[in-house]
Amino acid sequence: DTAIPEARRAIVVAALERGCDVIAEKPF
């Protein structure tokens, strides 16, 4: 996930719920 920070929650939560590990740009 290298999208803008405001999109992080939606992207990371969706990916985790689909069984993916996630590597993202800062911030958390």
mmCIF file of all heavy atoms, coordinates in Angstrom:
data_MODEL
# 
_entry.id   MODEL 
# 
loop_
_atom_site.group_PDB 
_atom_site.id 
_atom_site.type_symbol 
_atom_site.label_atom_id 
_atom_site.label_alt_id 
_atom_site.label_comp_id 
_atom_site.label_asym_id 
_atom_site.label_entity_id 
_atom_site.label_seq_id 
_atom_site.pdbx_PDB_ins_code 
_atom_site.Cartn_x 
_atom_site.Cartn_y 
_atom_site.Cartn_z 
_atom_site.occupancy 
_atom_site.B_iso_or_equiv 
_atom_site.pdbx_formal_charge 
_atom_site.auth_seq_id 
_atom_site.auth_comp_id 
_atom_site.auth_asym_id 
_atom_site.auth_atom_id 
_atom_site.pdbx_PDB_model_num 
ATOM 1   N N   . ASP A 1 1  ? 0.838   -1.195  0.000  1.00 0.00 ? 1  ASP A N   1 
ATOM 2   C CA  . ASP A 1 1  ? 0.000   0.000   0.000  1.00 0.00 ? 1  ASP A CA  1 
ATOM 3   C C   . ASP A 1 1  ? 0.875   1.248   0.000  1.00 0.00 ? 1  ASP A C   1 
ATOM 4   O O   . ASP A 1 1  ? 1.499   1.576   1.009  1.00 0.00 ? 1  ASP A O   1 
ATOM 5   C CB  . ASP A 1 1  ? -0.913  -0.013  1.223  1.00 0.00 ? 1  ASP A CB  1 
ATOM 6   C CG  . ASP A 1 1  ? -1.761  1.246   1.343  1.00 0.00 ? 1  ASP A CG  1 
ATOM 7   O OD1 . ASP A 1 1  ? -1.835  2.013   0.361  1.00 0.00 ? 1  ASP A OD1 1 
ATOM 8   O OD2 . ASP A 1 1  ? -2.341  1.470   2.417  1.00 0.00 ? 1  ASP A OD2 1 
ATOM 9   N N   . THR A 1 2  ? 0.922   1.931   -1.142 1.00 0.00 ? 2  THR A N   1 
ATOM 10  C CA  . THR A 1 2  ? 1.635   3.208   -1.238 1.00 0.00 ? 2  THR A CA  1 
ATOM 11  C C   . THR A 1 2  ? 0.673   4.350   -1.550 1.00 0.00 ? 2  THR A C   1 
ATOM 12  O O   . THR A 1 2  ? 1.088   5.407   -2.015 1.00 0.00 ? 2  THR A O   1 
ATOM 13  C CB  . THR A 1 2  ? 2.733   3.151   -2.316 1.00 0.00 ? 2  THR A CB  1 
ATOM 14  O OG1 . THR A 1 2  ? 2.119   2.952   -3.599 1.00 0.00 ? 2  THR A OG1 1 
ATOM 15  C CG2 . THR A 1 2  ? 3.715   2.031   -2.042 1.00 0.00 ? 2  THR A CG2 1 
ATOM 16  N N   . ALA A 1 3  ? -0.608  4.133   -1.287 1.00 0.00 ? 3  ALA A N   1 
ATOM 17  C CA  . ALA A 1 3  ? -1.626  5.163   -1.542 1.00 0.00 ? 3  ALA A CA  1 
ATOM 18  C C   . ALA A 1 3  ? -1.521  6.275   -0.502 1.00 0.00 ? 3  ALA A C   1 
ATOM 19  O O   . ALA A 1 3  ? -0.745  6.182   0.468  1.00 0.00 ? 3  ALA A O   1 
ATOM 20  C CB  . ALA A 1 3  ? -3.020  4.536   -1.519 1.00 0.00 ? 3  ALA A CB  1 
ATOM 21  N N   . ILE A 1 4  ? -2.315  7.327   -0.668 1.00 0.00 ? 4  ILE A N   1 
ATOM 22  C CA  . ILE A 1 4  ? -2.288  8.443   0.275  1.00 0.00 ? 4  ILE A CA  1 
ATOM 23  C C   . ILE A 1 4  ? -2.749  7.961   1.648  1.00 0.00 ? 4  ILE A C   1 
ATOM 24  O O   . ILE A 1 4  ? -3.530  7.001   1.756  1.00 0.00 ? 4  ILE A O   1 
ATOM 25  C CB  . ILE A 1 4  ? -3.152  9.624   -0.215 1.00 0.00 ? 4  ILE A CB  1 
ATOM 26  C CG1 . ILE A 1 4  ? -4.618  9.191   -0.363 1.00 0.00 ? 4  ILE A CG1 1 
ATOM 27  C CG2 . ILE A 1 4  ? -2.601  10.171  -1.521 1.00 0.00 ? 4  ILE A CG2 1 
ATOM 28  C CD1 . ILE A 1 4  ? -5.552  10.352  -0.685 1.00 0.00 ? 4  ILE A CD1 1 
ATOM 29  N N   . PRO A 1 5  ? -2.286  8.603   2.731  1.00 0.00 ? 5  PRO A N   1 
ATOM 30  C CA  . PRO A 1 5  ? -2.621  8.122   4.081  1.00 0.00 ? 5  PRO A CA  1 
ATOM 31  C C   . PRO A 1 5  ? -4.121  8.003   4.343  1.00 0.00 ? 5  PRO A C   1 
ATOM 32  O O   . PRO A 1 5  ? -4.551  7.083   5.048  1.00 0.00 ? 5  PRO A O   1 
ATOM 33  C CB  . PRO A 1 5  ? -1.981  9.180   4.993  1.00 0.00 ? 5  PRO A CB  1 
ATOM 34  C CG  . PRO A 1 5  ? -0.841  9.719   4.193  1.00 0.00 ? 5  PRO A CG  1 
ATOM 35  C CD  . PRO A 1 5  ? -1.321  9.717   2.764  1.00 0.00 ? 5  PRO A CD  1 
ATOM 36  N N   . GLU A 1 6  ? -4.912  8.904   3.787  1.00 0.00 ? 6  GLU A N   1 
ATOM 37  C CA  . GLU A 1 6  ? -6.354  8.879   4.046  1.00 0.00 ? 6  GLU A CA  1 
ATOM 38  C C   . GLU A 1 6  ? -7.018  7.599   3.558  1.00 0.00 ? 6  GLU A C   1 
ATOM 39  O O   . GLU A 1 6  ? -8.097  7.230   4.030  1.00 0.00 ? 6  GLU A O   1 
ATOM 40  C CB  . GLU A 1 6  ? -7.010  10.098  3.409  1.00 0.00 ? 6  GLU A CB  1 
ATOM 41  C CG  . GLU A 1 6  ? -6.720  11.418  4.102  1.00 0.00 ? 6  GLU A CG  1 
ATOM 42  C CD  . GLU A 1 6  ? -5.306  11.924  3.854  1.00 0.00 ? 6  GLU A CD  1 
ATOM 43  O OE1 . GLU A 1 6  ? -4.641  11.434  2.906  1.00 0.00 ? 6  GLU A OE1 1 
ATOM 44  O OE2 . GLU A 1 6  ? -4.849  12.796  4.627  1.00 0.00 ? 6  GLU A OE2 1 
ATOM 45  N N   . ALA A 1 7  ? -6.392  6.911   2.626  1.00 0.00 ? 7  ALA A N   1 
ATOM 46  C CA  . ALA A 1 7  ? -6.954  5.663   2.106  1.00 0.00 ? 7  ALA A CA  1 
ATOM 47  C C   . ALA A 1 7  ? -6.448  4.435   2.845  1.00 0.00 ? 7  ALA A C   1 
ATOM 48  O O   . ALA A 1 7  ? -6.907  3.322   2.572  1.00 0.00 ? 7  ALA A O   1 
ATOM 49  C CB  . ALA A 1 7  ? -6.632  5.542   0.619  1.00 0.00 ? 7  ALA A CB  1 
ATOM 50  N N   . ARG A 1 8  ? -5.530  4.621   3.790  1.00 0.00 ? 8  ARG A N   1 
ATOM 51  C CA  . ARG A 1 8  ? -4.841  3.468   4.383  1.00 0.00 ? 8  ARG A CA  1 
ATOM 52  C C   . ARG A 1 8  ? -5.792  2.516   5.095  1.00 0.00 ? 8  ARG A C   1 
ATOM 53  O O   . ARG A 1 8  ? -5.718  1.298   4.936  1.00 0.00 ? 8  ARG A O   1 
ATOM 54  C CB  . ARG A 1 8  ? -3.749  3.953   5.337  1.00 0.00 ? 8  ARG A CB  1 
ATOM 55  C CG  . ARG A 1 8  ? -2.904  2.830   5.925  1.00 0.00 ? 8  ARG A CG  1 
ATOM 56  C CD  . ARG A 1 8  ? -1.439  3.051   5.710  1.00 0.00 ? 8  ARG A CD  1 
ATOM 57  N NE  . ARG A 1 8  ? -1.147  3.375   4.333  1.00 0.00 ? 8  ARG A NE  1 
ATOM 58  C CZ  . ARG A 1 8  ? -0.366  4.405   3.957  1.00 0.00 ? 8  ARG A CZ  1 
ATOM 59  N NH1 . ARG A 1 8  ? 0.198   5.174   4.871  1.00 0.00 ? 8  ARG A NH1 1 
ATOM 60  N NH2 . ARG A 1 8  ? -0.138  4.636   2.692  1.00 0.00 ? 8  ARG A NH2 1 
ATOM 61  N N   . ARG A 1 9  ? -6.679  3.042   5.917  1.00 0.00 ? 9  ARG A N   1 
ATOM 62  C CA  . ARG A 1 9  ? -7.565  2.171   6.694  1.00 0.00 ? 9  ARG A CA  1 
ATOM 63  C C   . ARG A 1 9  ? -8.377  1.260   5.782  1.00 0.00 ? 9  ARG A C   1 
ATOM 64  O O   . ARG A 1 9  ? -8.422  0.036   5.999  1.00 0.00 ? 9  ARG A O   1 
ATOM 65  C CB  . ARG A 1 9  ? -8.486  3.013   7.560  1.00 0.00 ? 9  ARG A CB  1 
ATOM 66  C CG  . ARG A 1 9  ? -9.567  2.222   8.292  1.00 0.00 ? 9  ARG A CG  1 
ATOM 67  C CD  . ARG A 1 9  ? -10.392 3.143   9.161  1.00 0.00 ? 9  ARG A CD  1 
ATOM 68  N NE  . ARG A 1 9  ? -11.500 2.456   9.813  1.00 0.00 ? 9  ARG A NE  1 
ATOM 69  C CZ  . ARG A 1 9  ? -12.305 3.036   10.716 1.00 0.00 ? 9  ARG A CZ  1 
ATOM 70  N NH1 . ARG A 1 9  ? -12.087 4.291   11.073 1.00 0.00 ? 9  ARG A NH1 1 
ATOM 71  N NH2 . ARG A 1 9  ? -13.282 2.346   11.266 1.00 0.00 ? 9  ARG A NH2 1 
ATOM 72  N N   . ALA A 1 10 ? -9.010  1.827   4.773  1.00 0.00 ? 10 ALA A N   1 
ATOM 73  C CA  . ALA A 1 10 ? -9.865  1.034   3.890  1.00 0.00 ? 10 ALA A CA  1 
ATOM 74  C C   . ALA A 1 10 ? -9.061  -0.039  3.177  1.00 0.00 ? 10 ALA A C   1 
ATOM 75  O O   . ALA A 1 10 ? -9.496  -1.197  3.063  1.00 0.00 ? 10 ALA A O   1 
ATOM 76  C CB  . ALA A 1 10 ? -10.570 1.941   2.879  1.00 0.00 ? 10 ALA A CB  1 
ATOM 77  N N   . ILE A 1 11 ? -7.879  0.319   2.687  1.00 0.00 ? 11 ILE A N   1 
ATOM 78  C CA  . ILE A 1 11 ? -7.060  -0.636  1.938  1.00 0.00 ? 11 ILE A CA  1 
ATOM 79  C C   . ILE A 1 11 ? -6.550  -1.745  2.842  1.00 0.00 ? 11 ILE A C   1 
ATOM 80  O O   . ILE A 1 11 ? -6.665  -2.941  2.532  1.00 0.00 ? 11 ILE A O   1 
ATOM 81  C CB  . ILE A 1 11 ? -5.887  0.094   1.257  1.00 0.00 ? 11 ILE A CB  1 
ATOM 82  C CG1 . ILE A 1 11 ? -6.404  1.060   0.184  1.00 0.00 ? 11 ILE A CG1 1 
ATOM 83  C CG2 . ILE A 1 11 ? -4.893  -0.903  0.668  1.00 0.00 ? 11 ILE A CG2 1 
ATOM 84  C CD1 . ILE A 1 11 ? -5.364  2.034   -0.307 1.00 0.00 ? 11 ILE A CD1 1 
ATOM 85  N N   . VAL A 1 12 ? -5.971  -1.373  3.980  1.00 0.00 ? 12 VAL A N   1 
ATOM 86  C CA  . VAL A 1 12 ? -5.342  -2.362  4.856  1.00 0.00 ? 12 VAL A CA  1 
ATOM 87  C C   . VAL A 1 12 ? -6.382  -3.301  5.457  1.00 0.00 ? 12 VAL A C   1 
ATOM 88  O O   . VAL A 1 12 ? -6.189  -4.528  5.489  1.00 0.00 ? 12 VAL A O   1 
ATOM 89  C CB  . VAL A 1 12 ? -4.519  -1.660  5.957  1.00 0.00 ? 12 VAL A CB  1 
ATOM 90  C CG1 . VAL A 1 12 ? -3.977  -2.687  6.949  1.00 0.00 ? 12 VAL A CG1 1 
ATOM 91  C CG2 . VAL A 1 12 ? -3.375  -0.865  5.347  1.00 0.00 ? 12 VAL A CG2 1 
ATOM 92  N N   . VAL A 1 13 ? -7.499  -2.756  5.933  1.00 0.00 ? 13 VAL A N   1 
ATOM 93  C CA  . VAL A 1 13 ? -8.529  -3.601  6.534  1.00 0.00 ? 13 VAL A CA  1 
ATOM 94  C C   . VAL A 1 13 ? -9.087  -4.579  5.496  1.00 0.00 ? 13 VAL A C   1 
ATOM 95  O O   . VAL A 1 13 ? -9.253  -5.774  5.771  1.00 0.00 ? 13 VAL A O   1 
ATOM 96  C CB  . VAL A 1 13 ? -9.650  -2.748  7.148  1.00 0.00 ? 13 VAL A CB  1 
ATOM 97  C CG1 . VAL A 1 13 ? -10.846 -3.607  7.542  1.00 0.00 ? 13 VAL A CG1 1 
ATOM 98  C CG2 . VAL A 1 13 ? -9.129  -1.991  8.369  1.00 0.00 ? 13 VAL A CG2 1 
ATOM 99  N N   . ALA A 1 14 ? -9.376  -4.100  4.296  1.00 0.00 ? 14 ALA A N   1 
ATOM 100 C CA  . ALA A 1 14 ? -9.899  -4.984  3.248  1.00 0.00 ? 14 ALA A CA  1 
ATOM 101 C C   . ALA A 1 14 ? -8.912  -6.088  2.921  1.00 0.00 ? 14 ALA A C   1 
ATOM 102 O O   . ALA A 1 14 ? -9.296  -7.262  2.759  1.00 0.00 ? 14 ALA A O   1 
ATOM 103 C CB  . ALA A 1 14 ? -10.232 -4.169  1.999  1.00 0.00 ? 14 ALA A CB  1 
ATOM 104 N N   . ALA A 1 15 ? -7.625  -5.732  2.823  1.00 0.00 ? 15 ALA A N   1 
ATOM 105 C CA  . ALA A 1 15 ? -6.608  -6.737  2.492  1.00 0.00 ? 15 ALA A CA  1 
ATOM 106 C C   . ALA A 1 15 ? -6.459  -7.768  3.610  1.00 0.00 ? 15 ALA A C   1 
ATOM 107 O O   . ALA A 1 15 ? -6.368  -8.973  3.350  1.00 0.00 ? 15 ALA A O   1 
ATOM 108 C CB  . ALA A 1 15 ? -5.280  -6.048  2.217  1.00 0.00 ? 15 ALA A CB  1 
ATOM 109 N N   . LEU A 1 16 ? -6.424  -7.315  4.853  1.00 0.00 ? 16 LEU A N   1 
ATOM 110 C CA  . LEU A 1 16 ? -6.317  -8.246  5.975  1.00 0.00 ? 16 LEU A CA  1 
ATOM 111 C C   . LEU A 1 16 ? -7.507  -9.193  6.012  1.00 0.00 ? 16 LEU A C   1 
ATOM 112 O O   . LEU A 1 16 ? -7.347  -10.406 6.247  1.00 0.00 ? 16 LEU A O   1 
ATOM 113 C CB  . LEU A 1 16 ? -6.216  -7.465  7.290  1.00 0.00 ? 16 LEU A CB  1 
ATOM 114 C CG  . LEU A 1 16 ? -4.936  -6.657  7.515  1.00 0.00 ? 16 LEU A CG  1 
ATOM 115 C CD1 . LEU A 1 16 ? -5.081  -5.775  8.742  1.00 0.00 ? 16 LEU A CD1 1 
ATOM 116 C CD2 . LEU A 1 16 ? -3.722  -7.559  7.657  1.00 0.00 ? 16 LEU A CD2 1 
ATOM 117 N N   . GLU A 1 17 ? -8.693  -8.651  5.788  1.00 0.00 ? 17 GLU A N   1 
ATOM 118 C CA  . GLU A 1 17 ? -9.894  -9.489  5.844  1.00 0.00 ? 17 GLU A CA  1 
ATOM 119 C C   . GLU A 1 17 ? -9.934  -10.512 4.719  1.00 0.00 ? 17 GLU A C   1 
ATOM 120 O O   . GLU A 1 17 ? -10.641 -11.515 4.822  1.00 0.00 ? 17 GLU A O   1 
ATOM 121 C CB  . GLU A 1 17 ? -11.131 -8.598  5.831  1.00 0.00 ? 17 GLU A CB  1 
ATOM 122 C CG  . GLU A 1 17 ? -11.299 -7.817  7.141  1.00 0.00 ? 17 GLU A CG  1 
ATOM 123 C CD  . GLU A 1 17 ? -12.491 -6.901  7.139  1.00 0.00 ? 17 GLU A CD  1 
ATOM 124 O OE1 . GLU A 1 17 ? -13.022 -6.605  6.036  1.00 0.00 ? 17 GLU A OE1 1 
ATOM 125 O OE2 . GLU A 1 17 ? -12.902 -6.455  8.237  1.00 0.00 ? 17 GLU A OE2 1 
ATOM 126 N N   . ARG A 1 18 ? -9.181  -10.269 3.643  1.00 0.00 ? 18 ARG A N   1 
ATOM 127 C CA  . ARG A 1 18 ? -9.083  -11.233 2.555  1.00 0.00 ? 18 ARG A CA  1 
ATOM 128 C C   . ARG A 1 18 ? -7.902  -12.191 2.737  1.00 0.00 ? 18 ARG A C   1 
ATOM 129 O O   . ARG A 1 18 ? -7.552  -12.949 1.827  1.00 0.00 ? 18 ARG A O   1 
ATOM 130 C CB  . ARG A 1 18 ? -8.934  -10.492 1.218  1.00 0.00 ? 18 ARG A CB  1 
ATOM 131 C CG  . ARG A 1 18 ? -10.249 -9.993  0.667  1.00 0.00 ? 18 ARG A CG  1 
ATOM 132 C CD  . ARG A 1 18 ? -10.989 -11.121 -0.029 1.00 0.00 ? 18 ARG A CD  1 
ATOM 133 N NE  . ARG A 1 18 ? -12.323 -10.729 -0.480 1.00 0.00 ? 18 ARG A NE  1 
ATOM 134 C CZ  . ARG A 1 18 ? -13.100 -11.473 -1.238 1.00 0.00 ? 18 ARG A CZ  1 
ATOM 135 N NH1 . ARG A 1 18 ? -12.681 -12.667 -1.639 1.00 0.00 ? 18 ARG A NH1 1 
ATOM 136 N NH2 . ARG A 1 18 ? -14.294 -11.064 -1.588 1.00 0.00 ? 18 ARG A NH2 1 
ATOM 137 N N   . GLY A 1 19 ? -7.258  -12.128 3.900  1.00 0.00 ? 19 GLY A N   1 
ATOM 138 C CA  . GLY A 1 19 ? -6.185  -13.072 4.190  1.00 0.00 ? 19 GLY A CA  1 
ATOM 139 C C   . GLY A 1 19 ? -4.823  -12.669 3.678  1.00 0.00 ? 19 GLY A C   1 
ATOM 140 O O   . GLY A 1 19 ? -3.930  -13.524 3.557  1.00 0.00 ? 19 GLY A O   1 
ATOM 141 N N   . CYS A 1 20 ? -4.631  -11.383 3.378  1.00 0.00 ? 20 CYS A N   1 
ATOM 142 C CA  . CYS A 1 20 ? -3.339  -10.899 2.870  1.00 0.00 ? 20 CYS A CA  1 
ATOM 143 C C   . CYS A 1 20 ? -2.491  -10.335 4.001  1.00 0.00 ? 20 CYS A C   1 
ATOM 144 O O   . CYS A 1 20 ? -3.009  -9.715  4.937  1.00 0.00 ? 20 CYS A O   1 
ATOM 145 C CB  . CYS A 1 20 ? -3.552  -9.794  1.838  1.00 0.00 ? 20 CYS A CB  1 
ATOM 146 S SG  . CYS A 1 20 ? -4.536  -10.267 0.417  1.00 0.00 ? 20 CYS A SG  1 
ATOM 147 N N   . ASP A 1 21 ? -1.175  -10.498 3.896  1.00 0.00 ? 21 ASP A N   1 
ATOM 148 C CA  . ASP A 1 21 ? -0.255  -9.681  4.665  1.00 0.00 ? 21 ASP A CA  1 
ATOM 149 C C   . ASP A 1 21 ? -0.121  -8.339  3.947  1.00 0.00 ? 21 ASP A C   1 
ATOM 150 O O   . ASP A 1 21 ? -0.264  -8.268  2.722  1.00 0.00 ? 21 ASP A O   1 
ATOM 151 C CB  . ASP A 1 21 ? 1.113   -10.350 4.772  1.00 0.00 ? 21 ASP A CB  1 
ATOM 152 C CG  . ASP A 1 21 ? 1.064   -11.645 5.570  1.00 0.00 ? 21 ASP A CG  1 
ATOM 153 O OD1 . ASP A 1 21 ? 0.330   -11.693 6.568  1.00 0.00 ? 21 ASP A OD1 1 
ATOM 154 O OD2 . ASP A 1 21 ? 1.749   -12.604 5.176  1.00 0.00 ? 21 ASP A OD2 1 
ATOM 155 N N   . VAL A 1 22 ? 0.164   -7.283  4.711  1.00 0.00 ? 22 VAL A N   1 
ATOM 156 C CA  . VAL A 1 22 ? 0.225   -5.942  4.127  1.00 0.00 ? 22 VAL A CA  1 
ATOM 157 C C   . VAL A 1 22 ? 1.541   -5.277  4.503  1.00 0.00 ? 22 VAL A C   1 
ATOM 158 O O   . VAL A 1 22 ? 1.966   -5.314  5.666  1.00 0.00 ? 22 VAL A O   1 
ATOM 159 C CB  . VAL A 1 22 ? -0.945  -5.060  4.603  1.00 0.00 ? 22 VAL A CB  1 
ATOM 160 C CG1 . VAL A 1 22 ? -0.859  -3.671  3.953  1.00 0.00 ? 22 VAL A CG1 1 
ATOM 161 C CG2 . VAL A 1 22 ? -2.282  -5.718  4.280  1.00 0.00 ? 22 VAL A CG2 1 
ATOM 162 N N   . ILE A 1 23 ? 2.188   -4.702  3.497  1.00 0.00 ? 23 ILE A N   1 
ATOM 163 C CA  . ILE A 1 23 ? 3.340   -3.822  3.688  1.00 0.00 ? 23 ILE A CA  1 
ATOM 164 C C   . ILE A 1 23 ? 2.916   -2.443  3.201  1.00 0.00 ? 23 ILE A C   1 
ATOM 165 O O   . ILE A 1 23 ? 2.418   -2.318  2.080  1.00 0.00 ? 23 ILE A O   1 
ATOM 166 C CB  . ILE A 1 23 ? 4.569   -4.299  2.890  1.00 0.00 ? 23 ILE A CB  1 
ATOM 167 C CG1 . ILE A 1 23 ? 4.966   -5.725  3.288  1.00 0.00 ? 23 ILE A CG1 1 
ATOM 168 C CG2 . ILE A 1 23 ? 5.739   -3.352  3.094  1.00 0.00 ? 23 ILE A CG2 1 
ATOM 169 C CD1 . ILE A 1 23 ? 6.098   -6.292  2.447  1.00 0.00 ? 23 ILE A CD1 1 
ATOM 170 N N   . ALA A 1 24 ? 3.094   -1.428  4.029  1.00 0.00 ? 24 ALA A N   1 
ATOM 171 C CA  . ALA A 1 24 ? 2.580   -0.105  3.666  1.00 0.00 ? 24 ALA A CA  1 
ATOM 172 C C   . ALA A 1 24 ? 3.610   0.981   3.900  1.00 0.00 ? 24 ALA A C   1 
ATOM 173 O O   . ALA A 1 24 ? 4.523   0.848   4.714  1.00 0.00 ? 24 ALA A O   1 
ATOM 174 C CB  . ALA A 1 24 ? 1.316   0.217   4.465  1.00 0.00 ? 24 ALA A CB  1 
ATOM 175 N N   . GLU A 1 25 ? 3.429   2.064   3.168  1.00 0.00 ? 25 GLU A N   1 
ATOM 176 C CA  . GLU A 1 25 ? 4.181   3.285   3.437  1.00 0.00 ? 25 GLU A CA  1 
ATOM 177 C C   . GLU A 1 25 ? 3.777   3.817   4.813  1.00 0.00 ? 25 GLU A C   1 
ATOM 178 O O   . GLU A 1 25 ? 2.688   3.520   5.322  1.00 0.00 ? 25 GLU A O   1 
ATOM 179 C CB  . GLU A 1 25 ? 3.895   4.347   2.372  1.00 0.00 ? 25 GLU A CB  1 
ATOM 180 C CG  . GLU A 1 25 ? 4.999   4.504   1.339  1.00 0.00 ? 25 GLU A CG  1 
ATOM 181 C CD  . GLU A 1 25 ? 6.310   4.964   1.938  1.00 0.00 ? 25 GLU A CD  1 
ATOM 182 O OE1 . GLU A 1 25 ? 6.341   5.517   3.056  1.00 0.00 ? 25 GLU A OE1 1 
ATOM 183 O OE2 . GLU A 1 25 ? 7.342   4.746   1.287  1.00 0.00 ? 25 GLU A OE2 1 
ATOM 184 N N   . LYS A 1 26 ? 4.661   4.626   5.410  1.00 0.00 ? 26 LYS A N   1 
ATOM 185 C CA  . LYS A 1 26 ? 4.251   5.319   6.622  1.00 0.00 ? 26 LYS A CA  1 
ATOM 186 C C   . LYS A 1 26 ? 3.234   6.401   6.227  1.00 0.00 ? 26 LYS A C   1 
ATOM 187 O O   . LYS A 1 26 ? 3.180   6.803   5.051  1.00 0.00 ? 26 LYS A O   1 
ATOM 188 C CB  . LYS A 1 26 ? 5.466   5.908   7.353  1.00 0.00 ? 26 LYS A CB  1 
ATOM 189 C CG  . LYS A 1 26 ? 6.325   6.869   6.490  1.00 0.00 ? 26 LYS A CG  1 
ATOM 190 C CD  . LYS A 1 26 ? 5.725   8.242   6.357  1.00 0.00 ? 26 LYS A CD  1 
ATOM 191 C CE  . LYS A 1 26 ? 6.481   9.072   5.353  1.00 0.00 ? 26 LYS A CE  1 
ATOM 192 N NZ  . LYS A 1 26 ? 5.740   10.259  4.924  1.00 0.00 ? 26 LYS A NZ  1 
ATOM 193 N N   . PRO A 1 27 ? 2.409   6.848   7.172  1.00 0.00 ? 27 PRO A N   1 
ATOM 194 C CA  . PRO A 1 27 ? 2.334   6.397   8.549  1.00 0.00 ? 27 PRO A CA  1 
ATOM 195 C C   . PRO A 1 27 ? 1.448   5.169   8.693  1.00 0.00 ? 27 PRO A C   1 
ATOM 196 O O   . PRO A 1 27 ? 0.746   4.797   7.745  1.00 0.00 ? 27 PRO A O   1 
ATOM 197 C CB  . PRO A 1 27 ? 1.710   7.592   9.258  1.00 0.00 ? 27 PRO A CB  1 
ATOM 198 C CG  . PRO A 1 27 ? 0.772   8.162   8.232  1.00 0.00 ? 27 PRO A CG  1 
ATOM 199 C CD  . PRO A 1 27 ? 1.498   7.987   6.918  1.00 0.00 ? 27 PRO A CD  1 
ATOM 200 N N   . PHE A 1 28 ? 1.484   4.563   9.861  1.00 0.00 ? 28 PHE A N   1 
ATOM 201 C CA  . PHE A 1 28 ? 0.651   3.403   10.188 1.00 0.00 ? 28 PHE A CA  1 
ATOM 202 C C   . PHE A 1 28 ? -0.788  3.654   9.755  1.00 0.00 ? 28 PHE A C   1 
ATOM 203 O O   . PHE A 1 28 ? -1.421  2.817   9.115  1.00 0.00 ? 28 PHE A O   1 
ATOM 204 C CB  . PHE A 1 28 ? 0.715   3.190   11.699 1.00 0.00 ? 28 PHE A CB  1 
ATOM 205 C CG  . PHE A 1 28 ? 0.062   1.934   12.204 1.00 0.00 ? 28 PHE A CG  1 
ATOM 206 C CD1 . PHE A 1 28 ? 0.847   0.876   12.620 1.00 0.00 ? 28 PHE A CD1 1 
ATOM 207 C CD2 . PHE A 1 28 ? -1.316  1.829   12.312 1.00 0.00 ? 28 PHE A CD2 1 
ATOM 208 C CE1 . PHE A 1 28 ? 0.256   -0.289  13.120 1.00 0.00 ? 28 PHE A CE1 1 
ATOM 209 C CE2 . PHE A 1 28 ? -1.907  0.676   12.795 1.00 0.00 ? 28 PHE A CE2 1 
ATOM 210 C CZ  . PHE A 1 28 ? -1.120  -0.385  13.196 1.00 0.00 ? 28 PHE A CZ  1 
# 
